[in-house]
């Protein structure tokens, strides 16, 4: 491992405006080492305007505490509904709920079904209807096959 001075590293890092991989090739070190040196020497490249704009957009999309708490406490909304409303990922909701000290277990992942489960009597009745229809259609098929055999034998 070569000893690289702060001045040597920063001259390549700053003056030539190279990224970590390019600095590593220039100095004959690994990319990980070039990043470690940048951290050790306490230097980070200034962020460009594009990165700053993206961060600003992300912050603008985040709902405020009151708005988020109101949506979170609404039992009619699922996590997916809330995420869609604010235009953020469902996983971000958990981050925001923790940030605002809201209970996580209270909120539903999915909407509960409004369909009423059938009673055992209704299930039995439906099964009987299906069986009756199946046996009738099976009997019809058997009869049709018997008649076809008769016709073929007479022909």
C-alpha atoms as a PDB file:
ATOM      1  CA  UNK A   1       0.000   0.000   0.000  1.00  0.00           C
ATOM      2  CA  UNK A   2       1.453   3.327  -0.993  1.00  0.00           C
ATOM      3  CA  UNK A   3       1.428   6.323   1.301  1.00  0.00           C
ATOM      4  CA  UNK A   4      -0.367   9.173  -0.336  1.00  0.00           C
ATOM      5  CA  UNK A   5      -0.197  12.632   1.132  1.00  0.00           C
ATOM      6  CA  UNK A   6      -3.182  14.858   1.506  1.00  0.00           C
ATOM      7  CA  UNK A   7      -1.764  17.371  -0.959  1.00  0.00           C
ATOM      8  CA  UNK A   8      -1.050  14.697  -3.557  1.00  0.00           C
ATOM      9  CA  UNK A   9      -4.523  13.224  -3.233  1.00  0.00           C
ATOM     10  CA  UNK A  10      -6.370  16.542  -3.291  1.00  0.00           C
ATOM     11  CA  UNK A  11      -4.355  17.817  -6.252  1.00  0.00           C
ATOM     12  CA  UNK A  12      -5.641  14.948  -8.340  1.00  0.00           C
ATOM     13  CA  UNK A  13      -9.099  14.952  -6.756  1.00  0.00           C
ATOM     14  CA  UNK A  14      -9.702  18.689  -7.115  1.00  0.00           C
ATOM     15  CA  UNK A  15      -7.506  20.056  -9.861  1.00  0.00           C
ATOM     16  CA  UNK A  16      -8.358  17.522 -12.497  1.00  0.00           C
ATOM     17  CA  UNK A  17     -12.005  17.182 -11.380  1.00  0.00           C
ATOM     18  CA  UNK A  18     -11.892  13.392 -11.453  1.00  0.00           C
ATOM     19  CA  UNK A  19     -14.257  10.965  -9.799  1.00  0.00           C
ATOM     20  CA  UNK A  20     -13.150   8.335  -7.242  1.00  0.00           C
ATOM     21  CA  UNK A  21     -12.519   5.641  -9.858  1.00  0.00           C
ATOM     22  CA  UNK A  22     -10.453   7.948 -12.056  1.00  0.00           C
ATOM     23  CA  UNK A  23      -8.442   9.175  -9.051  1.00  0.00           C
ATOM     24  CA  UNK A  24      -7.775   5.553  -8.075  1.00  0.00           C
ATOM     25  CA  UNK A  25      -6.409   4.720 -11.535  1.00  0.00           C
ATOM     26  CA  UNK A  26      -4.274   7.861 -11.595  1.00  0.00           C
ATOM     27  CA  UNK A  27      -2.758   7.176  -8.155  1.00  0.00           C
ATOM     28  CA  UNK A  28      -2.555   3.393  -8.568  1.00  0.00           C
ATOM     29  CA  UNK A  29      -4.927   2.572  -5.715  1.00  0.00           C
ATOM     30  CA  UNK A  30      -8.360   0.981  -5.441  1.00  0.00           C
ATOM     31  CA  UNK A  31     -11.575   2.942  -5.811  1.00  0.00           C
ATOM     32  CA  UNK A  32     -12.509   2.075  -2.234  1.00  0.00           C
ATOM     33  CA  UNK A  33      -9.180   3.462  -1.018  1.00  0.00           C
ATOM     34  CA  UNK A  34      -9.688   6.720  -2.925  1.00  0.00           C
ATOM     35  CA  UNK A  35     -13.089   7.148  -1.277  1.00  0.00           C
ATOM     36  CA  UNK A  36     -11.597   6.337   2.123  1.00  0.00           C
ATOM     37  CA  UNK A  37      -8.873   8.942   1.602  1.00  0.00           C
ATOM     38  CA  UNK A  38     -11.432  11.567   0.626  1.00  0.00           C
ATOM     39  CA  UNK A  39     -13.338  10.794   3.825  1.00  0.00           C
ATOM     40  CA  UNK A  40     -10.197  10.774   5.961  1.00  0.00           C
ATOM     41  CA  UNK A  41      -8.998  14.075   4.556  1.00  0.00           C
ATOM     42  CA  UNK A  42     -12.458  15.508   5.227  1.00  0.00           C
ATOM     43  CA  UNK A  43     -13.242  16.464   1.691  1.00  0.00           C
ATOM     44  CA  UNK A  44     -16.346  15.897  -0.345  1.00  0.00           C
ATOM     45  CA  UNK A  45     -16.842  17.285  -3.774  1.00  0.00           C
ATOM     46  CA  UNK A  46     -19.436  20.030  -3.963  1.00  0.00           C
ATOM     47  CA  UNK A  47     -22.801  18.805  -5.147  1.00  0.00           C
ATOM     48  CA  UNK A  48     -23.890  19.999  -8.515  1.00  0.00           C
ATOM     49  CA  UNK A  49     -27.091  21.924  -9.126  1.00  0.00           C
ATOM     50  CA  UNK A  50     -28.845  18.817 -10.464  1.00  0.00           C
ATOM     51  CA  UNK A  51     -28.376  16.943  -7.170  1.00  0.00           C
ATOM     52  CA  UNK A  52     -29.512  19.972  -5.198  1.00  0.00           C
ATOM     53  CA  UNK A  53     -32.621  20.281  -7.350  1.00  0.00           C
ATOM     54  CA  UNK A  54     -33.469  16.586  -6.890  1.00  0.00           C
ATOM     55  CA  UNK A  55     -33.119  16.923  -3.112  1.00  0.00           C
ATOM     56  CA  UNK A  56     -35.347  19.997  -3.189  1.00  0.00           C
ATOM     57  CA  UNK A  57     -38.016  18.103  -5.162  1.00  0.00           C
ATOM     58  CA  UNK A  58     -37.876  15.189  -2.697  1.00  0.00           C
ATOM     59  CA  UNK A  59     -38.300  17.534   0.253  1.00  0.00           C
ATOM     60  CA  UNK A  60     -41.215  19.297  -1.482  1.00  0.00           C
ATOM     61  CA  UNK A  61     -43.024  15.977  -1.981  1.00  0.00           C
ATOM     62  CA  UNK A  62     -42.845  15.080   1.706  1.00  0.00           C
ATOM     63  CA  UNK A  63     -46.100  15.838   3.498  1.00  0.00           C
ATOM     64  CA  UNK A  64     -46.146  18.048   6.565  1.00  0.00           C
ATOM     65  CA  UNK A  65     -46.659  16.601  10.033  1.00  0.00           C
ATOM     66  CA  UNK A  66     -50.330  17.622  10.349  1.00  0.00           C
ATOM     67  CA  UNK A  67     -51.263  16.504   6.840  1.00  0.00           C
ATOM     68  CA  UNK A  68     -49.491  13.168   7.246  1.00  0.00           C
ATOM     69  CA  UNK A  69     -50.910  12.509  10.728  1.00  0.00           C
ATOM     70  CA  UNK A  70     -54.434  13.214   9.491  1.00  0.00           C
ATOM     71  CA  UNK A  71     -54.066  10.737   6.626  1.00  0.00           C
ATOM     72  CA  UNK A  72     -52.330   8.155   8.851  1.00  0.00           C
ATOM     73  CA  UNK A  73     -55.133   8.273  11.426  1.00  0.00           C
ATOM     74  CA  UNK A  74     -57.852   7.787   8.790  1.00  0.00           C
ATOM     75  CA  UNK A  75     -58.886   4.133   9.193  1.00  0.00           C
ATOM     76  CA  UNK A  76     -60.487   4.079   5.739  1.00  0.00           C
ATOM     77  CA  UNK A  77     -57.127   4.588   3.991  1.00  0.00           C
ATOM     78  CA  UNK A  78     -54.567   1.846   3.436  1.00  0.00           C
ATOM     79  CA  UNK A  79     -50.836   2.503   3.327  1.00  0.00           C
ATOM     80  CA  UNK A  80     -50.975   2.268  -0.461  1.00  0.00           C
ATOM     81  CA  UNK A  81     -53.742   4.898  -0.569  1.00  0.00           C
ATOM     82  CA  UNK A  82     -51.712   7.296   1.567  1.00  0.00           C
ATOM     83  CA  UNK A  83     -48.555   6.744  -0.485  1.00  0.00           C
ATOM     84  CA  UNK A  84     -50.465   7.414  -3.690  1.00  0.00           C
ATOM     85  CA  UNK A  85     -51.996  10.569  -2.250  1.00  0.00           C
ATOM     86  CA  UNK A  86     -48.582  12.032  -1.416  1.00  0.00           C
ATOM     87  CA  UNK A  87     -46.733  10.568  -4.406  1.00  0.00           C
ATOM     88  CA  UNK A  88     -44.196   8.677  -2.308  1.00  0.00           C
ATOM     89  CA  UNK A  89     -43.267   5.030  -1.797  1.00  0.00           C
ATOM     90  CA  UNK A  90     -45.074   2.903   0.780  1.00  0.00           C
ATOM     91  CA  UNK A  91     -41.753   2.264   2.551  1.00  0.00           C
ATOM     92  CA  UNK A  92     -41.332   6.034   2.982  1.00  0.00           C
ATOM     93  CA  UNK A  93     -44.573   6.074   4.983  1.00  0.00           C
ATOM     94  CA  UNK A  94     -42.986   3.971   7.702  1.00  0.00           C
ATOM     95  CA  UNK A  95     -40.023   6.348   7.825  1.00  0.00           C
ATOM     96  CA  UNK A  96     -42.351   9.312   8.198  1.00  0.00           C
ATOM     97  CA  UNK A  97     -44.509   7.534  10.792  1.00  0.00           C
ATOM     98  CA  UNK A  98     -41.402   6.840  12.880  1.00  0.00           C
ATOM     99  CA  UNK A  99     -40.197  10.407  12.425  1.00  0.00           C
ATOM    100  CA  UNK A 100     -43.561  11.725  13.654  1.00  0.00           C
ATOM    101  CA  UNK A 101     -43.828   9.103  16.457  1.00  0.00           C
ATOM    102  CA  UNK A 102     -46.999   7.523  15.075  1.00  0.00           C
ATOM    103  CA  UNK A 103     -48.004   3.939  15.936  1.00  0.00           C
ATOM    104  CA  UNK A 104     -47.081   1.523  13.152  1.00  0.00           C
ATOM    105  CA  UNK A 105     -49.236  -1.447  14.146  1.00  0.00           C
ATOM    106  CA  UNK A 106     -52.525   0.471  14.003  1.00  0.00           C
ATOM    107  CA  UNK A 107     -52.399   1.031  10.289  1.00  0.00           C
ATOM    108  CA  UNK A 108     -53.648  -1.582   7.829  1.00  0.00           C
ATOM    109  CA  UNK A 109     -51.538  -2.813   4.952  1.00  0.00           C
ATOM    110  CA  UNK A 110     -54.621  -3.626   2.884  1.00  0.00           C
ATOM    111  CA  UNK A 111     -58.259  -2.743   2.843  1.00  0.00           C
ATOM    112  CA  UNK A 112     -60.505  -5.187   4.668  1.00  0.00           C
ATOM    113  CA  UNK A 113     -62.925  -7.075   2.464  1.00  0.00           C
ATOM    114  CA  UNK A 114     -66.547  -5.958   2.501  1.00  0.00           C
ATOM    115  CA  UNK A 115     -67.718  -9.355   1.161  1.00  0.00           C
ATOM    116  CA  UNK A 116     -69.620 -11.344   3.770  1.00  0.00           C
ATOM    117  CA  UNK A 117     -68.456 -14.924   4.174  1.00  0.00           C
ATOM    118  CA  UNK A 118     -71.096 -17.519   3.330  1.00  0.00           C
ATOM    119  CA  UNK A 119     -72.652 -19.519   6.146  1.00  0.00           C
ATOM    120  CA  UNK A 120     -72.072 -23.289   6.346  1.00  0.00           C
ATOM    121  CA  UNK A 121     -75.667 -23.836   5.195  1.00  0.00           C
ATOM    122  CA  UNK A 122     -75.082 -21.669   2.102  1.00  0.00           C
ATOM    123  CA  UNK A 123     -71.886 -23.577   1.320  1.00  0.00           C
ATOM    124  CA  UNK A 124     -73.707 -26.923   1.608  1.00  0.00           C
ATOM    125  CA  UNK A 125     -76.544 -25.691  -0.591  1.00  0.00           C
ATOM    126  CA  UNK A 126     -74.140 -24.433  -3.273  1.00  0.00           C
ATOM    127  CA  UNK A 127     -72.173 -27.708  -3.166  1.00  0.00           C
ATOM    128  CA  UNK A 128     -75.397 -29.678  -3.658  1.00  0.00           C
ATOM    129  CA  UNK A 129     -76.332 -27.479  -6.629  1.00  0.00           C
ATOM    130  CA  UNK A 130     -72.925 -27.996  -8.200  1.00  0.00           C
ATOM    131  CA  UNK A 131     -73.016 -31.758  -7.602  1.00  0.00           C
ATOM    132  CA  UNK A 132     -76.517 -32.004  -9.042  1.00  0.00           C
ATOM    133  CA  UNK A 133     -75.507 -30.033 -12.126  1.00  0.00           C
ATOM    134  CA  UNK A 134     -72.365 -32.112 -12.536  1.00  0.00           C
ATOM    135  CA  UNK A 135     -74.179 -35.435 -12.217  1.00  0.00           C
ATOM    136  CA  UNK A 136     -76.872 -34.334 -14.678  1.00  0.00           C
ATOM    137  CA  UNK A 137     -74.287 -33.200 -17.206  1.00  0.00           C
ATOM    138  CA  UNK A 138     -72.312 -36.414 -16.661  1.00  0.00           C
ATOM    139  CA  UNK A 139     -75.455 -38.498 -17.130  1.00  0.00           C
ATOM    140  CA  UNK A 140     -76.270 -36.552 -20.303  1.00  0.00           C
ATOM    141  CA  UNK A 141     -72.776 -37.161 -21.613  1.00  0.00           C
ATOM    142  CA  UNK A 142     -72.977 -40.909 -20.856  1.00  0.00           C
ATOM    143  CA  UNK A 143     -76.340 -41.123 -22.623  1.00  0.00           C
ATOM    144  CA  UNK A 144     -74.964 -39.247 -25.629  1.00  0.00           C
ATOM    145  CA  UNK A 145     -71.985 -41.633 -25.794  1.00  0.00           C
ATOM    146  CA  UNK A 146     -74.343 -44.670 -25.607  1.00  0.00           C
ATOM    147  CA  UNK A 147     -76.499 -43.298 -28.443  1.00  0.00           C
ATOM    148  CA  UNK A 148     -73.391 -42.591 -30.550  1.00  0.00           C
ATOM    149  CA  UNK A 149     -72.218 -46.195 -30.062  1.00  0.00           C
ATOM    150  CA  UNK A 150     -75.654 -47.487 -31.080  1.00  0.00           C
ATOM    151  CA  UNK A 151     -75.689 -45.349 -34.246  1.00  0.00           C
ATOM    152  CA  UNK A 152     -72.159 -46.452 -35.139  1.00  0.00           C
ATOM    153  CA  UNK A 153     -73.035 -50.124 -34.654  1.00  0.00           C
ATOM    154  CA  UNK A 154     -76.153 -49.809 -36.877  1.00  0.00           C
ATOM    155  CA  UNK A 155     -74.327 -47.957 -39.596  1.00  0.00           C
END
